[in-house]
């Protein structure tokens, strides 16, 4: 029962505490930031316990490296699947624009053919916010 998230690892202990294990140098305005280790500049975030328990009950999915769960509107986002599954699920009018919207502007300009994925097989994992409908993604490669 452990999930990797953009705000650090979440296991049983973190769900009970309501604070992620943290990330070095973490800064966000989505949640209250909690100093975990000042010597390492390590910070977690306070997330409602019910959202952390929901996340821990959610089945894992296969990635090339390791899943990294994303958040929006102060809760975990819903995983839609890889790029093909997301397009089939969302059915965007303009798949290219949808694809570009999933990346930070710098990464979107490079795309799949850029240096980010030049050394391996890419994986694109798409999430949707259950509150506002926003899409985000994580990427990795082998």
N, C-alpha and C. Protein backbone atom coordinates (compact mmCIF):
# COMPACT_ATOMS: atom_id res chain seq x y z
N UNK A 1 0.84 -1.20 0.00
CA UNK A 1 0.00 0.00 0.00
C UNK A 1 0.87 1.24 0.00
N UNK A 2 1.48 1.51 -1.10
CA UNK A 2 2.31 2.71 -1.23
C UNK A 2 2.09 3.30 -2.61
N UNK A 3 1.99 4.62 -2.67
CA UNK A 3 1.87 5.32 -3.93
C UNK A 3 2.91 6.42 -3.99
N UNK A 4 3.51 6.55 -5.17
CA UNK A 4 4.41 7.66 -5.43
C UNK A 4 3.56 8.80 -6.01
N UNK A 5 3.75 10.01 -5.48
CA UNK A 5 2.98 11.16 -5.95
C UNK A 5 3.92 12.32 -6.25
N UNK A 6 3.38 13.34 -6.86
CA UNK A 6 4.19 14.54 -7.14
C UNK A 6 4.61 15.24 -5.85
N UNK A 7 3.99 14.90 -4.72
CA UNK A 7 4.32 15.50 -3.43
C UNK A 7 5.04 14.54 -2.50
N UNK A 8 5.50 13.43 -3.02
CA UNK A 8 6.22 12.46 -2.23
C UNK A 8 5.42 11.18 -2.03
N UNK A 9 6.07 10.21 -1.44
CA UNK A 9 5.48 8.89 -1.20
C UNK A 9 4.32 9.01 -0.21
N UNK A 10 3.29 8.17 -0.45
CA UNK A 10 2.18 8.05 0.50
C UNK A 10 2.02 6.56 0.82
N UNK A 11 2.17 6.23 2.09
CA UNK A 11 1.94 4.88 2.61
C UNK A 11 0.95 5.01 3.77
N UNK A 12 0.75 3.90 4.45
CA UNK A 12 -0.17 3.85 5.58
C UNK A 12 0.12 4.98 6.57
N UNK A 13 1.39 5.11 6.96
CA UNK A 13 1.79 6.11 7.96
C UNK A 13 1.42 7.53 7.52
N UNK A 14 1.62 7.86 6.24
CA UNK A 14 1.31 9.20 5.74
C UNK A 14 -0.20 9.42 5.68
N UNK A 15 -0.95 8.38 5.34
CA UNK A 15 -2.42 8.52 5.30
C UNK A 15 -2.97 8.78 6.71
N UNK A 16 -2.41 8.11 7.71
CA UNK A 16 -2.83 8.34 9.09
C UNK A 16 -2.49 9.77 9.51
N UNK A 17 -1.29 10.23 9.17
CA UNK A 17 -0.83 11.57 9.54
C UNK A 17 -1.50 12.67 8.71
N UNK A 18 -1.85 12.34 7.47
CA UNK A 18 -2.43 13.34 6.57
C UNK A 18 -1.38 14.23 5.93
N UNK A 19 -0.11 13.76 5.90
CA UNK A 19 1.00 14.52 5.32
C UNK A 19 1.86 13.56 4.49
N UNK A 20 2.19 13.94 3.27
CA UNK A 20 3.03 13.09 2.42
C UNK A 20 4.44 13.00 2.99
N UNK A 21 5.16 11.97 2.58
CA UNK A 21 6.54 11.80 3.05
C UNK A 21 7.42 12.95 2.59
N UNK A 22 7.11 13.51 1.43
CA UNK A 22 7.76 14.74 1.02
C UNK A 22 8.75 14.61 -0.12
N UNK A 23 9.24 15.80 -0.52
CA UNK A 23 10.17 15.96 -1.62
C UNK A 23 11.13 17.08 -1.23
N UNK A 24 12.36 16.93 -1.64
CA UNK A 24 13.35 17.96 -1.35
C UNK A 24 13.01 19.25 -2.09
N UNK A 25 13.00 20.37 -1.37
CA UNK A 25 12.76 21.68 -1.97
C UNK A 25 11.33 21.91 -2.43
N UNK A 26 10.39 21.12 -1.99
CA UNK A 26 9.00 21.21 -2.46
C UNK A 26 8.37 22.56 -2.14
N UNK A 27 7.76 23.16 -3.15
CA UNK A 27 6.98 24.40 -3.00
C UNK A 27 5.70 24.23 -3.80
N UNK A 28 4.58 24.55 -3.22
CA UNK A 28 3.29 24.48 -3.91
C UNK A 28 2.30 25.38 -3.21
N UNK A 29 1.33 25.87 -3.95
CA UNK A 29 0.25 26.63 -3.33
C UNK A 29 -1.03 25.82 -3.29
N UNK A 30 -0.97 24.54 -3.70
CA UNK A 30 -2.15 23.68 -3.67
C UNK A 30 -2.51 23.22 -2.26
N UNK A 31 -1.48 23.01 -1.44
CA UNK A 31 -1.67 22.46 -0.10
C UNK A 31 -0.76 23.18 0.89
N UNK A 32 -1.06 23.00 2.18
CA UNK A 32 -0.17 23.50 3.22
C UNK A 32 1.13 22.69 3.16
N UNK A 33 2.24 23.38 3.09
CA UNK A 33 3.55 22.74 3.05
C UNK A 33 4.04 22.53 4.48
N UNK A 34 4.57 21.33 4.76
CA UNK A 34 5.01 20.94 6.09
C UNK A 34 6.49 20.56 6.04
N UNK A 35 7.32 21.25 6.82
CA UNK A 35 8.74 20.94 6.89
C UNK A 35 8.93 19.58 7.55
N UNK A 36 9.61 18.67 6.85
CA UNK A 36 9.85 17.34 7.38
C UNK A 36 11.29 17.18 7.89
N UNK A 37 12.26 17.79 7.17
CA UNK A 37 13.67 17.69 7.57
C UNK A 37 14.40 18.94 7.09
N UNK A 38 14.67 19.88 8.02
CA UNK A 38 15.32 21.13 7.62
C UNK A 38 16.74 20.94 7.09
N UNK A 39 17.45 19.92 7.55
CA UNK A 39 18.81 19.70 7.08
C UNK A 39 18.86 19.33 5.59
N UNK A 40 17.82 18.70 5.12
CA UNK A 40 17.76 18.27 3.72
C UNK A 40 16.78 19.12 2.91
N UNK A 41 16.19 20.18 3.50
CA UNK A 41 15.21 21.01 2.79
C UNK A 41 14.07 20.14 2.27
N UNK A 42 13.59 19.24 3.13
CA UNK A 42 12.60 18.22 2.75
C UNK A 42 11.23 18.64 3.28
N UNK A 43 10.24 18.68 2.37
CA UNK A 43 8.89 19.14 2.73
C UNK A 43 7.85 18.16 2.24
N UNK A 44 6.82 17.96 3.04
CA UNK A 44 5.62 17.23 2.64
C UNK A 44 4.48 18.22 2.51
N UNK A 45 3.33 17.72 2.15
CA UNK A 45 2.14 18.57 2.10
C UNK A 45 1.02 17.90 2.88
N UNK A 46 0.19 18.74 3.49
CA UNK A 46 -0.96 18.25 4.25
C UNK A 46 -2.12 18.07 3.27
N UNK A 47 -2.61 16.83 3.15
CA UNK A 47 -3.70 16.48 2.25
C UNK A 47 -4.78 15.81 3.09
N UNK A 48 -6.05 16.10 2.85
CA UNK A 48 -7.11 15.45 3.63
C UNK A 48 -6.93 13.93 3.65
N UNK A 49 -7.01 13.36 4.84
CA UNK A 49 -6.78 11.92 5.01
C UNK A 49 -7.66 11.08 4.10
N UNK A 50 -8.91 11.49 3.92
CA UNK A 50 -9.81 10.67 3.09
C UNK A 50 -9.30 10.57 1.65
N UNK A 51 -8.64 11.60 1.16
CA UNK A 51 -8.08 11.55 -0.19
C UNK A 51 -6.86 10.63 -0.24
N UNK A 52 -6.06 10.63 0.82
CA UNK A 52 -4.90 9.74 0.86
C UNK A 52 -5.33 8.28 0.95
N UNK A 53 -6.38 7.99 1.74
CA UNK A 53 -6.89 6.61 1.83
C UNK A 53 -7.47 6.18 0.49
N UNK A 54 -8.20 7.08 -0.17
CA UNK A 54 -8.75 6.77 -1.49
C UNK A 54 -7.62 6.42 -2.47
N UNK A 55 -6.57 7.21 -2.43
CA UNK A 55 -5.42 6.97 -3.30
C UNK A 55 -4.79 5.61 -3.01
N UNK A 56 -4.61 5.27 -1.75
CA UNK A 56 -4.00 3.99 -1.39
C UNK A 56 -4.86 2.81 -1.81
N UNK A 57 -6.18 2.98 -1.85
CA UNK A 57 -7.09 1.91 -2.28
C UNK A 57 -7.15 1.77 -3.80
N UNK A 58 -6.67 2.77 -4.52
CA UNK A 58 -6.71 2.75 -5.98
C UNK A 58 -5.67 1.77 -6.51
N UNK A 59 -6.07 0.92 -7.46
CA UNK A 59 -5.09 -0.04 -8.02
C UNK A 59 -3.92 0.68 -8.70
N UNK A 60 -2.78 0.05 -8.65
CA UNK A 60 -1.59 0.57 -9.34
C UNK A 60 -1.75 0.34 -10.83
N UNK A 61 -0.93 1.03 -11.61
CA UNK A 61 -0.91 0.79 -13.05
C UNK A 61 0.54 0.65 -13.50
N UNK A 62 0.74 -0.01 -14.64
CA UNK A 62 2.09 -0.27 -15.14
C UNK A 62 2.66 0.97 -15.81
N UNK A 63 3.90 1.26 -15.51
CA UNK A 63 4.65 2.33 -16.15
C UNK A 63 6.03 1.78 -16.50
N UNK A 64 6.77 2.56 -17.26
CA UNK A 64 8.12 2.15 -17.61
C UNK A 64 9.07 2.32 -16.42
N UNK A 65 8.88 3.37 -15.63
CA UNK A 65 9.75 3.65 -14.48
C UNK A 65 8.99 3.42 -13.17
N UNK A 66 8.11 4.36 -12.85
CA UNK A 66 7.32 4.28 -11.62
C UNK A 66 6.17 5.27 -11.74
N UNK A 67 4.99 4.86 -11.28
CA UNK A 67 3.87 5.80 -11.34
C UNK A 67 4.15 7.01 -10.46
N UNK A 68 3.57 8.13 -10.83
CA UNK A 68 3.67 9.34 -10.03
C UNK A 68 2.31 10.02 -10.08
N UNK A 69 1.52 9.81 -9.04
CA UNK A 69 0.15 10.30 -9.03
C UNK A 69 0.11 11.82 -8.95
N UNK A 70 -0.76 12.42 -9.75
CA UNK A 70 -0.90 13.87 -9.81
C UNK A 70 -2.14 14.33 -9.05
N UNK A 71 -2.15 15.61 -8.67
CA UNK A 71 -3.24 16.22 -7.92
C UNK A 71 -3.75 17.45 -8.64
N UNK A 72 -5.01 17.76 -8.40
CA UNK A 72 -5.63 18.99 -8.89
C UNK A 72 -6.84 19.25 -8.00
N UNK A 73 -7.15 20.51 -7.80
CA UNK A 73 -8.31 20.89 -6.97
C UNK A 73 -8.27 20.21 -5.61
N UNK A 74 -7.05 20.10 -5.06
CA UNK A 74 -6.82 19.60 -3.70
C UNK A 74 -7.20 18.13 -3.49
N UNK A 75 -7.11 17.32 -4.59
CA UNK A 75 -7.39 15.89 -4.46
C UNK A 75 -6.66 15.13 -5.56
N UNK A 76 -6.49 13.80 -5.38
CA UNK A 76 -5.84 13.02 -6.43
C UNK A 76 -6.67 13.05 -7.72
N UNK A 77 -5.99 13.08 -8.84
CA UNK A 77 -6.66 13.05 -10.13
C UNK A 77 -6.99 11.60 -10.49
N UNK A 78 -7.89 11.41 -11.45
CA UNK A 78 -8.26 10.08 -11.93
C UNK A 78 -7.31 9.69 -13.07
N UNK A 79 -6.77 8.50 -13.00
CA UNK A 79 -5.88 8.02 -14.05
C UNK A 79 -6.72 7.53 -15.22
N UNK A 80 -6.47 8.06 -16.42
CA UNK A 80 -7.21 7.64 -17.62
C UNK A 80 -6.50 6.54 -18.39
N UNK A 81 -5.21 6.43 -18.22
CA UNK A 81 -4.45 5.43 -18.95
C UNK A 81 -3.36 6.09 -19.76
N UNK A 82 -2.76 5.29 -20.63
CA UNK A 82 -1.76 5.82 -21.53
C UNK A 82 -2.40 6.71 -22.59
N UNK A 83 -1.57 7.26 -23.46
CA UNK A 83 -2.03 8.21 -24.47
C UNK A 83 -3.19 7.66 -25.30
N UNK A 84 -3.07 6.45 -25.83
CA UNK A 84 -4.13 5.89 -26.68
C UNK A 84 -5.43 5.73 -25.91
N UNK A 85 -5.36 5.22 -24.70
CA UNK A 85 -6.57 5.07 -23.88
C UNK A 85 -7.22 6.41 -23.59
N UNK A 86 -6.39 7.42 -23.31
CA UNK A 86 -6.92 8.74 -23.01
C UNK A 86 -7.64 9.33 -24.22
N UNK A 87 -7.06 9.20 -25.40
CA UNK A 87 -7.70 9.72 -26.61
C UNK A 87 -9.02 9.00 -26.88
N UNK A 88 -9.04 7.69 -26.70
CA UNK A 88 -10.27 6.93 -26.88
C UNK A 88 -11.33 7.33 -25.87
N UNK A 89 -10.92 7.60 -24.65
CA UNK A 89 -11.85 7.99 -23.59
C UNK A 89 -12.37 9.42 -23.77
N UNK A 90 -11.47 10.35 -24.07
CA UNK A 90 -11.81 11.77 -24.14
C UNK A 90 -12.42 12.14 -25.49
N UNK A 91 -11.95 11.50 -26.56
CA UNK A 91 -12.38 11.80 -27.92
C UNK A 91 -12.28 13.30 -28.24
N UNK A 92 -11.06 13.85 -28.14
CA UNK A 92 -10.90 15.29 -28.39
C UNK A 92 -11.13 15.64 -29.87
N UNK A 93 -11.67 16.83 -30.12
CA UNK A 93 -11.86 17.30 -31.50
C UNK A 93 -10.52 17.43 -32.21
N UNK A 94 -9.51 17.86 -31.50
CA UNK A 94 -8.19 18.05 -32.07
C UNK A 94 -7.17 17.27 -31.22
N UNK A 95 -6.88 16.03 -31.61
CA UNK A 95 -5.95 15.22 -30.82
C UNK A 95 -4.57 15.85 -30.66
N UNK A 96 -4.10 16.57 -31.66
CA UNK A 96 -2.78 17.20 -31.56
C UNK A 96 -2.78 18.27 -30.48
N UNK A 97 -3.81 19.11 -30.46
CA UNK A 97 -3.92 20.15 -29.43
C UNK A 97 -4.06 19.51 -28.04
N UNK A 98 -4.84 18.44 -27.95
CA UNK A 98 -4.99 17.73 -26.68
C UNK A 98 -3.64 17.20 -26.22
N UNK A 99 -2.90 16.58 -27.12
CA UNK A 99 -1.58 16.07 -26.82
C UNK A 99 -0.67 17.19 -26.30
N UNK A 100 -0.62 18.30 -27.01
CA UNK A 100 0.23 19.42 -26.61
C UNK A 100 -0.17 19.96 -25.24
N UNK A 101 -1.45 19.94 -24.92
CA UNK A 101 -1.92 20.47 -23.63
C UNK A 101 -1.47 19.64 -22.44
N UNK A 102 -1.02 18.43 -22.68
CA UNK A 102 -0.62 17.53 -21.60
C UNK A 102 0.79 17.79 -21.09
N UNK A 103 1.55 18.62 -21.78
CA UNK A 103 2.93 18.88 -21.42
C UNK A 103 3.09 20.30 -20.90
N UNK A 104 4.14 20.49 -20.11
CA UNK A 104 4.57 21.85 -19.79
C UNK A 104 4.99 22.48 -21.11
N UNK A 105 4.85 23.79 -21.27
CA UNK A 105 5.17 24.43 -22.55
C UNK A 105 6.56 24.07 -23.09
N UNK A 106 7.56 24.00 -22.24
CA UNK A 106 8.91 23.66 -22.69
C UNK A 106 8.97 22.25 -23.27
N UNK A 107 8.34 21.29 -22.59
CA UNK A 107 8.35 19.91 -23.08
C UNK A 107 7.46 19.75 -24.31
N UNK A 108 6.36 20.49 -24.39
CA UNK A 108 5.45 20.39 -25.53
C UNK A 108 6.15 20.80 -26.81
N UNK A 109 7.01 21.79 -26.73
CA UNK A 109 7.73 22.26 -27.92
C UNK A 109 8.66 21.17 -28.45
N UNK A 110 9.21 20.34 -27.55
CA UNK A 110 10.12 19.28 -27.98
C UNK A 110 9.37 18.06 -28.48
N UNK A 111 8.20 17.77 -27.85
CA UNK A 111 7.40 16.63 -28.29
C UNK A 111 8.11 15.29 -28.13
N UNK A 112 7.53 14.24 -28.70
CA UNK A 112 8.08 12.90 -28.59
C UNK A 112 9.43 12.78 -29.28
N UNK A 113 9.66 13.57 -30.30
CA UNK A 113 10.91 13.46 -31.04
C UNK A 113 12.05 14.24 -30.41
N UNK A 114 11.80 14.97 -29.37
CA UNK A 114 12.82 15.83 -28.76
C UNK A 114 13.76 15.07 -27.86
N UNK A 115 14.66 15.82 -27.24
CA UNK A 115 15.70 15.24 -26.41
C UNK A 115 15.17 14.54 -25.18
N UNK A 116 13.96 14.93 -24.72
CA UNK A 116 13.40 14.32 -23.51
C UNK A 116 13.28 12.81 -23.68
N UNK A 117 12.86 12.36 -24.87
CA UNK A 117 12.62 10.93 -25.09
C UNK A 117 13.60 10.32 -26.08
N UNK A 118 14.67 11.00 -26.41
CA UNK A 118 15.59 10.54 -27.46
C UNK A 118 16.29 9.24 -27.10
N UNK A 119 16.46 8.97 -25.83
CA UNK A 119 17.26 7.81 -25.44
C UNK A 119 16.45 6.58 -25.09
N UNK A 120 15.14 6.58 -25.27
CA UNK A 120 14.37 5.40 -24.89
C UNK A 120 12.97 5.41 -25.45
N UNK A 121 12.21 4.39 -25.07
CA UNK A 121 10.81 4.29 -25.48
C UNK A 121 9.96 5.11 -24.52
N UNK A 122 9.17 6.04 -25.03
CA UNK A 122 8.41 6.92 -24.14
C UNK A 122 7.11 6.30 -23.61
N UNK A 123 6.72 6.76 -22.45
CA UNK A 123 5.43 6.43 -21.88
C UNK A 123 4.76 7.73 -21.46
N UNK A 124 3.49 7.89 -21.82
CA UNK A 124 2.73 9.08 -21.45
C UNK A 124 1.50 8.61 -20.68
N UNK A 125 1.32 9.09 -19.45
CA UNK A 125 0.27 8.64 -18.55
C UNK A 125 -0.64 9.83 -18.25
N UNK A 126 -1.92 9.70 -18.59
CA UNK A 126 -2.83 10.84 -18.58
C UNK A 126 -3.80 10.74 -17.40
N UNK A 127 -4.01 11.89 -16.74
CA UNK A 127 -4.91 12.02 -15.60
C UNK A 127 -5.95 13.10 -15.89
N UNK A 128 -7.12 12.97 -15.24
CA UNK A 128 -8.17 13.99 -15.35
C UNK A 128 -8.63 14.37 -13.96
N UNK A 129 -8.80 15.66 -13.74
CA UNK A 129 -9.32 16.14 -12.45
C UNK A 129 -10.82 15.86 -12.39
N UNK A 130 -11.25 15.27 -11.28
CA UNK A 130 -12.65 14.95 -11.09
C UNK A 130 -13.49 16.18 -10.72
N UNK A 131 -12.82 17.26 -10.36
CA UNK A 131 -13.53 18.49 -9.99
C UNK A 131 -13.67 19.45 -11.18
N UNK A 132 -12.55 19.80 -11.81
CA UNK A 132 -12.58 20.84 -12.85
C UNK A 132 -12.42 20.29 -14.27
N UNK A 133 -12.08 19.01 -14.42
CA UNK A 133 -11.94 18.41 -15.73
C UNK A 133 -10.58 18.62 -16.39
N UNK A 134 -9.67 19.29 -15.72
CA UNK A 134 -8.33 19.54 -16.28
C UNK A 134 -7.59 18.23 -16.52
N UNK A 135 -6.79 18.20 -17.57
CA UNK A 135 -5.94 17.06 -17.87
C UNK A 135 -4.49 17.40 -17.55
N UNK A 136 -3.77 16.42 -17.06
CA UNK A 136 -2.33 16.54 -16.83
C UNK A 136 -1.71 15.19 -17.19
N UNK A 137 -0.40 15.15 -17.29
CA UNK A 137 0.25 13.90 -17.60
C UNK A 137 1.60 13.80 -16.93
N UNK A 138 2.07 12.58 -16.83
CA UNK A 138 3.45 12.31 -16.47
C UNK A 138 4.06 11.54 -17.63
N UNK A 139 5.36 11.67 -17.76
CA UNK A 139 6.05 10.98 -18.84
C UNK A 139 7.26 10.27 -18.28
N UNK A 140 7.62 9.17 -18.92
CA UNK A 140 8.87 8.51 -18.61
C UNK A 140 9.32 7.72 -19.83
N UNK A 141 10.48 7.13 -19.73
CA UNK A 141 10.99 6.31 -20.82
C UNK A 141 11.96 5.29 -20.26
N UNK A 142 12.11 4.21 -21.04
CA UNK A 142 13.03 3.17 -20.55
C UNK A 142 14.43 3.38 -21.06
